[in-house]
């Protein structure tokens, strides 16, 4: 499996991560910094997974 991430892919990852973290923050309303960090990490993981899955489908 050859995976090549370009600038557009990185921008997409960042945009998806920000959108996911915003939606998670609206849904769960974390009260502590640990909750915010966990949500941000989960959003980043989901965004990276979405972009990699899209790359695999297109390639």
PDB file of N, CA and C in Angstrom:
ATOM      1  N   UNK A   1       0.838  -1.168   0.000  1.00  0.00           N
ATOM      2  CA  UNK A   1       0.000   0.000   0.000  1.00  0.00           C
ATOM      3  C   UNK A   1       0.889   1.239   0.000  1.00  0.00           C
ATOM      4  N   UNK A   2       0.872   1.980  -1.062  1.00  0.00           N
ATOM      5  CA  UNK A   2       1.612   3.237  -1.144  1.00  0.00           C
ATOM      6  C   UNK A   2       0.684   4.379  -0.765  1.00  0.00           C
ATOM      7  N   UNK A   3       1.053   5.115   0.263  1.00  0.00           N
ATOM      8  CA  UNK A   3       0.236   6.215   0.743  1.00  0.00           C
ATOM      9  C   UNK A   3       1.021   7.502   0.608  1.00  0.00           C
ATOM     10  N   UNK A   4       0.493   8.441  -0.166  1.00  0.00           N
ATOM     11  CA  UNK A   4       1.174   9.706  -0.389  1.00  0.00           C
ATOM     12  C   UNK A   4       0.264  10.838   0.067  1.00  0.00           C
ATOM     13  N   UNK A   5       0.630  11.493   1.159  1.00  0.00           N
ATOM     14  CA  UNK A   5      -0.142  12.637   1.633  1.00  0.00           C
ATOM     15  C   UNK A   5       0.476  13.911   1.080  1.00  0.00           C
ATOM     16  N   UNK A   6      -0.360  14.715   0.439  1.00  0.00           N
ATOM     17  CA  UNK A   6       0.094  15.979  -0.135  1.00  0.00           C
ATOM     18  C   UNK A   6      -0.459  17.128   0.692  1.00  0.00           C
ATOM     19  N   UNK A   7      -0.178  18.347   0.278  1.00  0.00           N
ATOM     20  CA  UNK A   7      -0.622  19.522   1.027  1.00  0.00           C
ATOM     21  C   UNK A   7      -2.139  19.575   1.160  1.00  0.00           C
ATOM     22  N   UNK A   8      -2.850  19.223   0.108  1.00  0.00           N
ATOM     23  CA  UNK A   8      -4.314  19.254   0.160  1.00  0.00           C
ATOM     24  C   UNK A   8      -4.836  18.236   1.167  1.00  0.00           C
ATOM     25  N   UNK A   9      -4.168  17.104   1.265  1.00  0.00           N
ATOM     26  CA  UNK A   9      -4.586  16.094   2.235  1.00  0.00           C
ATOM     27  C   UNK A   9      -4.372  16.584   3.669  1.00  0.00           C
ATOM     28  N   UNK A  10      -3.277  17.255   3.901  1.00  0.00           N
ATOM     29  CA  UNK A  10      -2.992  17.783   5.237  1.00  0.00           C
ATOM     30  C   UNK A  10      -4.011  18.858   5.603  1.00  0.00           C
ATOM     31  N   UNK A  11      -4.364  19.721   4.655  1.00  0.00           N
ATOM     32  CA  UNK A  11      -5.376  20.744   4.902  1.00  0.00           C
ATOM     33  C   UNK A  11      -6.724  20.094   5.197  1.00  0.00           C
ATOM     34  N   UNK A  12      -7.037  19.038   4.466  1.00  0.00           N
ATOM     35  CA  UNK A  12      -8.287  18.316   4.712  1.00  0.00           C
ATOM     36  C   UNK A  12      -8.286  17.683   6.089  1.00  0.00           C
ATOM     37  N   UNK A  13      -7.171  17.096   6.505  1.00  0.00           N
ATOM     38  CA  UNK A  13      -7.067  16.506   7.838  1.00  0.00           C
ATOM     39  C   UNK A  13      -7.303  17.569   8.902  1.00  0.00           C
ATOM     40  N   UNK A  14      -6.693  18.723   8.746  1.00  0.00           N
ATOM     41  CA  UNK A  14      -6.843  19.791   9.734  1.00  0.00           C
ATOM     42  C   UNK A  14      -8.293  20.285   9.766  1.00  0.00           C
ATOM     43  N   UNK A  15      -8.899  20.463   8.599  1.00  0.00           N
ATOM     44  CA  UNK A  15     -10.278  20.943   8.550  1.00  0.00           C
ATOM     45  C   UNK A  15     -11.236  19.936   9.178  1.00  0.00           C
ATOM     46  N   UNK A  16     -11.057  18.656   8.871  1.00  0.00           N
ATOM     47  CA  UNK A  16     -11.909  17.627   9.462  1.00  0.00           C
ATOM     48  C   UNK A  16     -11.708  17.545  10.972  1.00  0.00           C
ATOM     49  N   UNK A  17     -10.477  17.669  11.410  1.00  0.00           N
ATOM     50  CA  UNK A  17     -10.198  17.607  12.850  1.00  0.00           C
ATOM     51  C   UNK A  17     -10.852  18.772  13.583  1.00  0.00           C
ATOM     52  N   UNK A  18     -10.764  19.966  13.007  1.00  0.00           N
ATOM     53  CA  UNK A  18     -11.400  21.124  13.646  1.00  0.00           C
ATOM     54  C   UNK A  18     -12.920  20.977  13.673  1.00  0.00           C
ATOM     55  N   UNK A  19     -13.497  20.502  12.588  1.00  0.00           N
ATOM     56  CA  UNK A  19     -14.937  20.297  12.548  1.00  0.00           C
ATOM     57  C   UNK A  19     -15.381  19.240  13.552  1.00  0.00           C
ATOM     58  N   UNK A  20     -14.659  18.126  13.602  1.00  0.00           N
ATOM     59  CA  UNK A  20     -15.003  17.059  14.544  1.00  0.00           C
ATOM     60  C   UNK A  20     -14.851  17.521  15.986  1.00  0.00           C
ATOM     61  N   UNK A  21     -13.796  18.256  16.281  1.00  0.00           N
ATOM     62  CA  UNK A  21     -13.616  18.715  17.653  1.00  0.00           C
ATOM     63  C   UNK A  21     -14.703  19.715  18.040  1.00  0.00           C
ATOM     64  N   UNK A  22     -15.132  20.557  17.105  1.00  0.00           N
ATOM     65  CA  UNK A  22     -16.224  21.480  17.385  1.00  0.00           C
ATOM     66  C   UNK A  22     -17.518  20.721  17.652  1.00  0.00           C
ATOM     67  N   UNK A  23     -17.815  19.725  16.822  1.00  0.00           N
ATOM     68  CA  UNK A  23     -19.028  18.940  17.022  1.00  0.00           C
ATOM     69  C   UNK A  23     -18.984  18.155  18.328  1.00  0.00           C
ATOM     70  N   UNK A  24     -17.817  17.591  18.659  1.00  0.00           N
ATOM     71  CA  UNK A  24     -17.690  16.877  19.930  1.00  0.00           C
ATOM     72  C   UNK A  24     -17.833  17.821  21.119  1.00  0.00           C
ATOM     73  N   UNK A  25     -17.280  19.013  21.017  1.00  0.00           N
ATOM     74  CA  UNK A  25     -17.382  19.973  22.101  1.00  0.00           C
ATOM     75  C   UNK A  25     -18.837  20.415  22.301  1.00  0.00           C
ATOM     76  N   UNK A  26     -19.565  20.587  21.215  1.00  0.00           N
ATOM     77  CA  UNK A  26     -20.976  20.945  21.332  1.00  0.00           C
ATOM     78  C   UNK A  26     -21.800  19.801  21.916  1.00  0.00           C
ATOM     79  N   UNK A  27     -21.418  18.578  21.584  1.00  0.00           N
ATOM     80  CA  UNK A  27     -22.191  17.414  22.031  1.00  0.00           C
ATOM     81  C   UNK A  27     -21.935  17.080  23.499  1.00  0.00           C
ATOM     82  N   UNK A  28     -20.678  17.019  23.904  1.00  0.00           N
ATOM     83  CA  UNK A  28     -20.351  16.517  25.238  1.00  0.00           C
ATOM     84  C   UNK A  28     -20.030  17.608  26.254  1.00  0.00           C
ATOM     85  N   UNK A  29     -19.685  18.809  25.819  1.00  0.00           N
ATOM     86  CA  UNK A  29     -19.363  19.943  26.691  1.00  0.00           C
ATOM     87  C   UNK A  29     -18.404  19.558  27.820  1.00  0.00           C
ATOM     88  N   UNK A  30     -17.140  19.297  27.490  1.00  0.00           N
ATOM     89  CA  UNK A  30     -16.185  18.887  28.530  1.00  0.00           C
ATOM     90  C   UNK A  30     -15.920  20.019  29.523  1.00  0.00           C
ATOM     91  N   UNK A  31     -15.740  19.626  30.780  1.00  0.00           N
ATOM     92  CA  UNK A  31     -15.530  20.624  31.831  1.00  0.00           C
ATOM     93  C   UNK A  31     -14.059  20.767  32.201  1.00  0.00           C
ATOM     94  N   UNK A  32     -13.238  19.796  31.844  1.00  0.00           N
ATOM     95  CA  UNK A  32     -11.832  19.838  32.246  1.00  0.00           C
ATOM     96  C   UNK A  32     -10.939  19.895  31.017  1.00  0.00           C
ATOM     97  N   UNK A  33      -9.679  20.251  31.242  1.00  0.00           N
ATOM     98  CA  UNK A  33      -8.703  20.279  30.155  1.00  0.00           C
ATOM     99  C   UNK A  33      -8.438  18.884  29.630  1.00  0.00           C
ATOM    100  N   UNK A  34      -8.493  17.883  30.505  1.00  0.00           N
ATOM    101  CA  UNK A  34      -8.280  16.498  30.049  1.00  0.00           C
ATOM    102  C   UNK A  34      -9.361  16.091  29.047  1.00  0.00           C
ATOM    103  N   UNK A  35     -10.588  16.472  29.313  1.00  0.00           N
ATOM    104  CA  UNK A  35     -11.675  16.159  28.383  1.00  0.00           C
ATOM    105  C   UNK A  35     -11.490  16.829  27.041  1.00  0.00           C
ATOM    106  N   UNK A  36     -11.031  18.066  27.064  1.00  0.00           N
ATOM    107  CA  UNK A  36     -10.786  18.800  25.811  1.00  0.00           C
ATOM    108  C   UNK A  36      -9.658  18.144  25.031  1.00  0.00           C
ATOM    109  N   UNK A  37      -8.592  17.726  25.722  1.00  0.00           N
ATOM    110  CA  UNK A  37      -7.461  17.079  25.041  1.00  0.00           C
ATOM    111  C   UNK A  37      -7.876  15.744  24.445  1.00  0.00           C
ATOM    112  N   UNK A  38      -8.660  14.974  25.196  1.00  0.00           N
ATOM    113  CA  UNK A  38      -9.121  13.675  24.685  1.00  0.00           C
ATOM    114  C   UNK A  38      -9.994  13.874  23.452  1.00  0.00           C
ATOM    115  N   UNK A  39     -10.877  14.858  23.482  1.00  0.00           N
ATOM    116  CA  UNK A  39     -11.718  15.130  22.318  1.00  0.00           C
ATOM    117  C   UNK A  39     -10.889  15.576  21.116  1.00  0.00           C
ATOM    118  N   UNK A  40      -9.890  16.407  21.358  1.00  0.00           N
ATOM    119  CA  UNK A  40      -9.039  16.861  20.251  1.00  0.00           C
ATOM    120  C   UNK A  40      -8.268  15.695  19.643  1.00  0.00           C
ATOM    121  N   UNK A  41      -7.740  14.819  20.475  1.00  0.00           N
ATOM    122  CA  UNK A  41      -7.019  13.645  19.964  1.00  0.00           C
ATOM    123  C   UNK A  41      -7.953  12.719  19.198  1.00  0.00           C
ATOM    124  N   UNK A  42      -9.161  12.524  19.705  1.00  0.00           N
ATOM    125  CA  UNK A  42     -10.128  11.675  19.004  1.00  0.00           C
ATOM    126  C   UNK A  42     -10.511  12.284  17.660  1.00  0.00           C
ATOM    127  N   UNK A  43     -10.680  13.591  17.625  1.00  0.00           N
ATOM    128  CA  UNK A  43     -11.030  14.257  16.369  1.00  0.00           C
ATOM    129  C   UNK A  43      -9.893  14.147  15.362  1.00  0.00           C
ATOM    130  N   UNK A  44      -8.662  14.319  15.820  1.00  0.00           N
ATOM    131  CA  UNK A  44      -7.523  14.178  14.908  1.00  0.00           C
ATOM    132  C   UNK A  44      -7.407  12.764  14.371  1.00  0.00           C
ATOM    133  N   UNK A  45      -7.585  11.778  15.224  1.00  0.00           N
ATOM    134  CA  UNK A  45      -7.520  10.384  14.781  1.00  0.00           C
ATOM    135  C   UNK A  45      -8.616  10.093  13.758  1.00  0.00           C
ATOM    136  N   UNK A  46      -9.809  10.604  14.011  1.00  0.00           N
ATOM    137  CA  UNK A  46     -10.908  10.386  13.065  1.00  0.00           C
ATOM    138  C   UNK A  46     -10.646  11.076  11.734  1.00  0.00           C
ATOM    139  N   UNK A  47     -10.082  12.268  11.776  1.00  0.00           N
ATOM    140  CA  UNK A  47      -9.790  12.990  10.536  1.00  0.00           C
ATOM    141  C   UNK A  47      -8.716  12.285   9.724  1.00  0.00           C
ATOM    142  N   UNK A  48      -7.668  11.840  10.381  1.00  0.00           N
ATOM    143  CA  UNK A  48      -6.596  11.128   9.681  1.00  0.00           C
ATOM    144  C   UNK A  48      -7.121   9.835   9.079  1.00  0.00           C
ATOM    145  N   UNK A  49      -7.944   9.118   9.832  1.00  0.00           N
ATOM    146  CA  UNK A  49      -8.531   7.876   9.326  1.00  0.00           C
ATOM    147  C   UNK A  49      -9.420   8.138   8.120  1.00  0.00           C
ATOM    148  N   UNK A  50     -10.204   9.212   8.159  1.00  0.00           N
ATOM    149  CA  UNK A  50     -11.086   9.537   7.035  1.00  0.00           C
ATOM    150  C   UNK A  50     -10.291   9.858   5.777  1.00  0.00           C
ATOM    151  N   UNK A  51      -9.221  10.620   5.916  1.00  0.00           N
ATOM    152  CA  UNK A  51      -8.419  10.975   4.747  1.00  0.00           C
ATOM    153  C   UNK A  51      -7.695   9.751   4.194  1.00  0.00           C
ATOM    154  N   UNK A  52      -7.170   8.900   5.049  1.00  0.00           N
ATOM    155  CA  UNK A  52      -6.485   7.685   4.584  1.00  0.00           C
ATOM    156  C   UNK A  52      -7.476   6.756   3.891  1.00  0.00           C
ATOM    157  N   UNK A  53      -8.675   6.616   4.449  1.00  0.00           N
ATOM    158  CA  UNK A  53      -9.693   5.778   3.802  1.00  0.00           C
ATOM    159  C   UNK A  53     -10.070   6.334   2.430  1.00  0.00           C
ATOM    160  N   UNK A  54     -10.186   7.650   2.339  1.00  0.00           N
ATOM    161  CA  UNK A  54     -10.499   8.266   1.038  1.00  0.00           C
ATOM    162  C   UNK A  54      -9.363   8.051   0.045  1.00  0.00           C
ATOM    163  N   UNK A  55      -8.126   8.179   0.509  1.00  0.00           N
ATOM    164  CA  UNK A  55      -6.969   7.937  -0.362  1.00  0.00           C
ATOM    165  C   UNK A  55      -6.966   6.499  -0.877  1.00  0.00           C
ATOM    166  N   UNK A  56      -7.307   5.554   0.003  1.00  0.00           N
ATOM    167  CA  UNK A  56      -7.325   4.146  -0.401  1.00  0.00           C
ATOM    168  C   UNK A  56      -8.436   3.882  -1.415  1.00  0.00           C
ATOM    169  N   UNK A  57      -9.567   4.559  -1.264  1.00  0.00           N
ATOM    170  CA  UNK A  57     -10.661   4.370  -2.212  1.00  0.00           C
ATOM    171  C   UNK A  57     -10.329   4.951  -3.587  1.00  0.00           C
ATOM    172  N   UNK A  58      -9.683   6.092  -3.593  1.00  0.00           N
ATOM    173  CA  UNK A  58      -9.374   6.765  -4.852  1.00  0.00           C
ATOM    174  C   UNK A  58      -8.211   6.103  -5.577  1.00  0.00           C
ATOM    175  N   UNK A  59      -7.229   5.636  -4.836  1.00  0.00           N
ATOM    176  CA  UNK A  59      -6.012   5.070  -5.443  1.00  0.00           C
ATOM    177  C   UNK A  59      -6.251   3.725  -6.053  1.00  0.00           C
TER     178      UNK A  59
END
